[in-house]
C-alpha atoms as a PDB file:
ATOM      1  CA  MET A   1       5.935 -12.288 -15.209  1.00  0.00           C
ATOM      2  CA  THR A   2       4.092  -9.043 -15.333  1.00  0.00           C
ATOM      3  CA  PRO A   3       5.725  -5.722 -14.412  1.00  0.00           C
ATOM      4  CA  LEU A   4       3.704  -5.722 -11.158  1.00  0.00           C
ATOM      5  CA  GLU A   5       4.198  -9.346 -10.456  1.00  0.00           C
ATOM      6  CA  ASP A   6       7.941  -8.421 -10.866  1.00  0.00           C
ATOM      7  CA  ARG A   7       8.344  -5.204  -8.882  1.00  0.00           C
ATOM      8  CA  LEU A   8       6.426  -7.333  -5.763  1.00  0.00           C
ATOM      9  CA  PHE A   9       8.593 -10.089  -6.342  1.00  0.00           C
ATOM     10  CA  LYS A  10      11.747  -7.742  -5.350  1.00  0.00           C
ATOM     11  CA  LEU A  11       9.784  -6.027  -2.930  1.00  0.00           C
ATOM     12  CA  LYS A  12       9.516  -9.415  -0.882  1.00  0.00           C
ATOM     13  CA  LEU A  13      13.194 -10.532  -1.515  1.00  0.00           C
ATOM     14  CA  VAL A  14      14.357  -7.474  -0.297  1.00  0.00           C
ATOM     15  CA  LEU A  15      11.638  -7.466   2.864  1.00  0.00           C
ATOM     16  CA  ASP A  16      12.875 -10.791   3.787  1.00  0.00           C
ATOM     17  CA  GLU A  17      16.504  -9.786   3.734  1.00  0.00           C
ATOM     18  CA  THR A  18      16.052  -6.516   5.990  1.00  0.00           C
ATOM     19  CA  VAL A  19      12.958  -6.677   8.026  1.00  0.00           C
ATOM     20  CA  LYS A  20      12.849  -8.922  11.161  1.00  0.00           C
ATOM     21  CA  PHE A  21       8.871  -9.846  11.279  1.00  0.00           C
ATOM     22  CA  PRO A  22       6.567  -9.436  12.623  1.00  0.00           C
ATOM     23  CA  SER A  23       7.292  -5.590  12.612  1.00  0.00           C
ATOM     24  CA  GLU A  24       5.456  -2.460  11.995  1.00  0.00           C
ATOM     25  CA  TYR A  25       5.355  -1.304   7.871  1.00  0.00           C
ATOM     26  CA  LEU A  26       3.939   1.976   7.071  1.00  0.00           C
ATOM     27  CA  PHE A  27       2.020   1.964   3.517  1.00  0.00           C
ATOM     28  CA  LYS A  28       1.668   5.190   1.232  1.00  0.00           C
ATOM     29  CA  PHE A  29      -0.928   5.086  -1.357  1.00  0.00           C
ATOM     30  CA  ILE A  30      -2.115   8.162  -3.948  1.00  0.00           C
ATOM     31  CA  VAL A  31      -5.478   7.713  -5.158  1.00  0.00           C
ATOM     32  CA  PRO A  32      -8.083   9.752  -7.163  1.00  0.00           C
ATOM     33  CA  LEU A  33     -10.521  11.463  -4.426  1.00  0.00           C
ATOM     34  CA  SER A  34     -13.254   9.702  -6.678  1.00  0.00           C
ATOM     35  CA  GLU A  35     -11.320   6.278  -5.776  1.00  0.00           C
ATOM     36  CA  ILE A  36     -10.678   6.547  -1.983  1.00  0.00           C
ATOM     37  CA  HIS A  37     -13.170   4.296  -0.482  1.00  0.00           C
ATOM     38  CA  GLN A  38     -11.709   1.202  -2.394  1.00  0.00           C
ATOM     39  CA  ILE A  39      -8.113   1.658  -0.507  1.00  0.00           C
ATOM     40  CA  LEU A  40      -9.810   2.818   2.910  1.00  0.00           C
ATOM     41  CA  PHE A  41     -11.261  -0.793   2.725  1.00  0.00           C
ATOM     42  CA  ILE A  42      -8.317  -2.169   1.812  1.00  0.00           C
ATOM     43  CA  MET A  43      -6.525  -0.449   4.864  1.00  0.00           C
ATOM     44  CA  GLN A  44      -9.123  -1.382   6.910  1.00  0.00           C
ATOM     45  CA  GLY A  45      -7.159  -1.596  10.838  1.00  0.00           C
ATOM     46  CA  MET A  46      -4.444   0.382   9.836  1.00  0.00           C
ATOM     47  CA  GLU A  47      -3.251   3.899  11.761  1.00  0.00           C
ATOM     48  CA  ILE A  48      -4.829   6.088   8.611  1.00  0.00           C
ATOM     49  CA  GLU A  49      -3.305   9.391   7.707  1.00  0.00           C
ATOM     50  CA  GLN A  50      -4.381  11.484   4.868  1.00  0.00           C
ATOM     51  CA  LYS A  51      -3.375  14.144   2.929  1.00  0.00           C
ATOM     52  CA  ALA A  52      -5.852  15.696  -0.412  1.00  0.00           C
ATOM     53  CA  SER A  53      -3.503  17.382  -2.855  1.00  0.00           C
ATOM     54  CA  SER A  54      -3.778  20.839  -3.551  1.00  0.00           C
ATOM     55  CA  ASN A  55      -5.882  20.886  -6.424  1.00  0.00           C
ATOM     56  CA  GLY A  56      -8.113  18.134  -4.797  1.00  0.00           C
ATOM     57  CA  LYS A  57      -8.103  15.774  -7.416  1.00  0.00           C
ATOM     58  CA  TYR A  58      -6.148  13.057  -5.669  1.00  0.00           C
ATOM     59  CA  ILE A  59      -5.204  12.219  -1.507  1.00  0.00           C
ATOM     60  CA  SER A  60      -2.379  10.454  -0.272  1.00  0.00           C
ATOM     61  CA  VAL A  61      -3.058   7.884   2.169  1.00  0.00           C
ATOM     62  CA  SER A  62      -1.051   6.822   4.620  1.00  0.00           C
ATOM     63  CA  GLY A  63      -1.223   3.196   6.703  1.00  0.00           C
ATOM     64  CA  LYS A  64       0.515   2.171   9.250  1.00  0.00           C
ATOM     65  CA  ILE A  65       0.358  -2.043  10.551  1.00  0.00           C
ATOM     66  CA  MET A  66       1.430  -4.314  12.828  1.00  0.00           C
ATOM     67  CA  MET A  67       2.490  -6.927   9.918  1.00  0.00           C
ATOM     68  CA  GLN A  68       3.326 -10.844  10.621  1.00  0.00           C
ATOM     69  CA  LYS A  69       5.263 -11.458   7.395  1.00  0.00           C
ATOM     70  CA  SER A  70       6.476 -10.392   4.133  1.00  0.00           C
ATOM     71  CA  GLU A  71       3.527 -12.197   2.226  1.00  0.00           C
ATOM     72  CA  ASP A  72       0.768  -9.946   4.019  1.00  0.00           C
ATOM     73  CA  ILE A  73       2.552  -6.628   2.905  1.00  0.00           C
ATOM     74  CA  ILE A  74       2.707  -8.344  -0.579  1.00  0.00           C
ATOM     75  CA  LYS A  75      -0.852  -9.010  -0.357  1.00  0.00           C
ATOM     76  CA  VAL A  76      -1.870  -5.338   0.472  1.00  0.00           C
ATOM     77  CA  TYR A  77       0.479  -4.159  -2.471  1.00  0.00           C
ATOM     78  CA  GLU A  78      -1.991  -6.280  -4.999  1.00  0.00           C
ATOM     79  CA  GLN A  79      -5.254  -5.827  -3.775  1.00  0.00           C
ATOM     80  CA  ALA A  80      -4.789  -1.893  -3.997  1.00  0.00           C
ATOM     81  CA  SER A  81      -2.946  -2.470  -7.701  1.00  0.00           C
ATOM     82  CA  VAL A  82      -6.760  -2.840  -8.961  1.00  0.00           C
ATOM     83  CA  ILE A  83      -7.574   0.545  -7.706  1.00  0.00           C
ATOM     84  CA  LYS A  84      -7.827   2.948 -11.231  1.00  0.00           C
ATOM     85  CA  GLY A  85      -5.149   5.816 -11.042  1.00  0.00           C
ATOM     86  CA  ILE A  86      -3.506   4.127  -7.831  1.00  0.00           C
ATOM     87  CA  ILE A  87       0.240   5.496  -7.221  1.00  0.00           C
ATOM     88  CA  SER A  88       1.626   3.120  -4.532  1.00  0.00           C
ATOM     89  CA  LEU A  89       4.605   4.692  -2.767  1.00  0.00           C
END
């Protein structure tokens, strides 16, 4: 199991134990400004807030959406994980 797979597996366990679905979920990512289009594509349909870093090289992107099950949340993190330089919070 890769470190990412391990982290997502643990997140799924926590979500299954602590969240009653369906539930609103808040995703938070930091991406290089050059990759903003990729994360916005993944976050389509979410209520999105963006904030640029002080140096303008990165952007913080938060998105709220109603999720039906923990697997849906994990899928978003898996899709986002391929973006170069992304930080998932």
